[in-house]
């Protein structure tokens, strides 16, 4: 399955972005309210400056204490990003996420942010593929 197909199955709410000057406390509140694990850091909502996850925030609180919540997100974000395009295959993305130990990957087309896929999105898509393959094989065996 292609990344573009996975994006079509997701809600049309789009990717949550915040400017680099957003306070970490504001980003944490947004993650909590929207029940999401990651925000994209972007100056204009289209370009990609970085990514900030709940894991990044918790790790920093553990290392430095709650004082880090008054920092801006650009001080905690991951700026070396692994991205994909709509033409990438889900199995390849799953391998990259697993090996890199991260759960969210921005989808970029022509230098512009088009979406965000999670490890859960990719696993769900792969399970759907396997179920369809199983049904097709059962149909062949049963002569349907």
Protein backbone atom coordinates (compact mmCIF):
# COMPACT_ATOMS: atom_id res chain seq x y z
CA UNK A 1 0.00 0.00 0.00
CA UNK A 2 1.21 3.50 -0.81
CA UNK A 3 1.51 6.35 1.68
CA UNK A 4 -0.96 8.38 -0.44
CA UNK A 5 -3.57 5.63 0.08
CA UNK A 6 -2.99 5.69 3.84
CA UNK A 7 -3.48 9.47 3.91
CA UNK A 8 -6.85 9.07 2.16
CA UNK A 9 -8.09 6.89 5.03
CA UNK A 10 -7.24 9.51 7.67
CA UNK A 11 -9.54 12.28 8.86
CA UNK A 12 -9.54 15.43 6.78
CA UNK A 13 -8.66 17.67 9.72
CA UNK A 14 -5.11 18.03 8.44
CA UNK A 15 -1.82 18.20 10.23
CA UNK A 16 -1.53 20.20 13.43
CA UNK A 17 1.27 22.75 13.09
CA UNK A 18 2.70 25.32 15.47
CA UNK A 19 5.15 28.16 14.83
CA UNK A 20 8.69 27.75 16.23
CA UNK A 21 8.02 30.48 18.82
CA UNK A 22 5.18 28.54 20.50
CA UNK A 23 5.82 27.77 24.15
CA UNK A 24 6.35 24.10 24.98
CA UNK A 25 3.53 24.39 27.57
CA UNK A 26 1.15 25.57 24.81
CA UNK A 27 2.20 22.70 22.54
CA UNK A 28 1.72 20.21 25.40
CA UNK A 29 -1.77 21.58 26.04
CA UNK A 30 -2.60 21.26 22.33
CA UNK A 31 -1.36 17.64 22.27
CA UNK A 32 -3.55 16.87 25.26
CA UNK A 33 -6.67 18.64 23.98
CA UNK A 34 -6.47 17.13 20.51
CA UNK A 35 -5.40 13.73 21.84
CA UNK A 36 -2.47 13.52 19.43
CA UNK A 37 1.16 12.57 19.94
CA UNK A 38 2.97 15.03 17.69
CA UNK A 39 2.87 18.54 16.27
CA UNK A 40 4.75 19.75 13.24
CA UNK A 41 6.79 22.90 13.80
CA UNK A 42 6.35 25.19 10.80
CA UNK A 43 6.69 28.91 10.21
CA UNK A 44 3.96 28.94 7.57
CA UNK A 45 2.00 25.69 7.97
CA UNK A 46 3.47 24.30 4.74
CA UNK A 47 7.21 24.12 5.26
CA UNK A 48 8.83 21.79 7.76
CA UNK A 49 11.07 23.20 10.48
CA UNK A 50 10.81 20.29 12.88
CA UNK A 51 8.61 17.92 14.82
CA UNK A 52 7.79 17.85 18.53
CA UNK A 53 6.34 14.78 20.20
CA UNK A 54 4.96 14.11 23.64
CA UNK A 55 7.99 11.88 24.14
CA UNK A 56 10.33 14.84 23.46
CA UNK A 57 8.54 16.90 26.10
CA UNK A 58 8.52 14.14 28.74
CA UNK A 59 12.20 13.38 28.13
CA UNK A 60 13.11 17.05 28.65
CA UNK A 61 10.95 17.36 31.79
CA UNK A 62 12.74 14.29 33.14
CA UNK A 63 16.16 15.77 32.37
CA UNK A 64 15.63 19.42 33.31
CA UNK A 65 12.36 19.66 35.20
CA UNK A 66 9.18 21.57 34.45
CA UNK A 67 11.14 24.75 33.66
CA UNK A 68 11.50 23.54 30.09
CA UNK A 69 7.79 24.21 29.57
CA UNK A 70 8.59 27.93 29.30
CA UNK A 71 10.97 27.30 26.38
CA UNK A 72 9.86 27.65 22.78
CA UNK A 73 9.24 24.49 20.78
CA UNK A 74 12.19 25.16 18.48
CA UNK A 75 14.51 24.42 21.43
CA UNK A 76 13.09 20.91 21.91
CA UNK A 77 11.97 19.90 18.42
CA UNK A 78 13.70 17.32 16.30
CA UNK A 79 14.98 19.19 13.26
CA UNK A 80 16.71 16.27 11.49
CA UNK A 81 13.58 14.70 10.09
CA UNK A 82 12.95 11.53 8.19
CA UNK A 83 10.18 12.21 5.69
CA UNK A 84 8.38 10.32 2.97
CA UNK A 85 6.31 11.02 -0.12
CA UNK A 86 2.92 9.77 -1.21
CA UNK A 87 4.61 7.34 -3.60
CA UNK A 88 6.49 5.50 -0.85
CA UNK A 89 5.42 1.97 0.06
CA UNK A 90 4.03 1.33 3.55
CA UNK A 91 6.38 -1.60 4.26
CA UNK A 92 9.42 0.61 3.67
CA UNK A 93 7.99 3.32 5.95
CA UNK A 94 7.24 0.75 8.65
CA UNK A 95 10.85 -0.43 8.54
CA UNK A 96 12.22 3.14 8.73
CA UNK A 97 10.00 3.98 11.69
CA UNK A 98 10.88 0.79 13.53
CA UNK A 99 14.62 1.11 12.95
CA UNK A 100 14.61 4.84 13.76
CA UNK A 101 12.43 4.31 16.85
CA UNK A 102 9.97 7.06 15.98
CA UNK A 103 6.21 6.96 15.55
CA UNK A 104 5.36 9.83 13.19
CA UNK A 105 6.58 10.71 9.71
CA UNK A 106 5.75 13.85 7.72
CA UNK A 107 4.63 13.35 4.12
CA UNK A 108 6.23 15.88 1.78
CA UNK A 109 5.29 16.55 -1.85
CA UNK A 110 7.15 19.17 -3.90
CA UNK A 111 8.73 20.58 -0.74
CA UNK A 112 5.37 21.09 0.95
CA UNK A 113 3.82 19.31 3.94
CA UNK A 114 0.93 17.13 2.73
CA UNK A 115 0.24 14.99 5.76
CA UNK A 116 1.53 13.04 8.71
CA UNK A 117 1.38 9.29 9.10
CA UNK A 118 1.82 7.41 12.33
CA UNK A 119 3.15 3.97 13.04
CA UNK A 120 -0.43 3.02 13.91
CA UNK A 121 -1.66 4.23 10.50
CA UNK A 122 0.91 2.07 8.72
CA UNK A 123 0.21 -1.00 10.86
CA UNK A 124 -3.55 -0.61 10.32
CA UNK A 125 -3.03 -0.35 6.54
CA UNK A 126 -0.79 -3.42 6.53
CA UNK A 127 -3.36 -5.43 8.53
CA UNK A 128 -6.06 -4.44 6.03
CA UNK A 129 -3.82 -5.63 3.19
CA UNK A 130 -3.17 -8.94 4.92
CA UNK A 131 -6.90 -9.46 5.53
CA UNK A 132 -7.66 -8.84 1.85
CA UNK A 133 -4.90 -11.25 0.79
CA UNK A 134 -6.26 -13.88 3.20
CA UNK A 135 -9.78 -13.47 1.81
CA UNK A 136 -8.52 -13.73 -1.76
CA UNK A 137 -6.55 -16.91 -0.97
CA UNK A 138 -9.53 -18.46 0.82
CA UNK A 139 -11.69 -17.60 -2.18
CA UNK A 140 -9.24 -19.29 -4.52
CA UNK A 141 -9.06 -22.39 -2.32
CA UNK A 142 -12.84 -22.60 -2.02
CA UNK A 143 -13.25 -22.04 -5.74
CA UNK A 144 -15.08 -18.70 -5.52
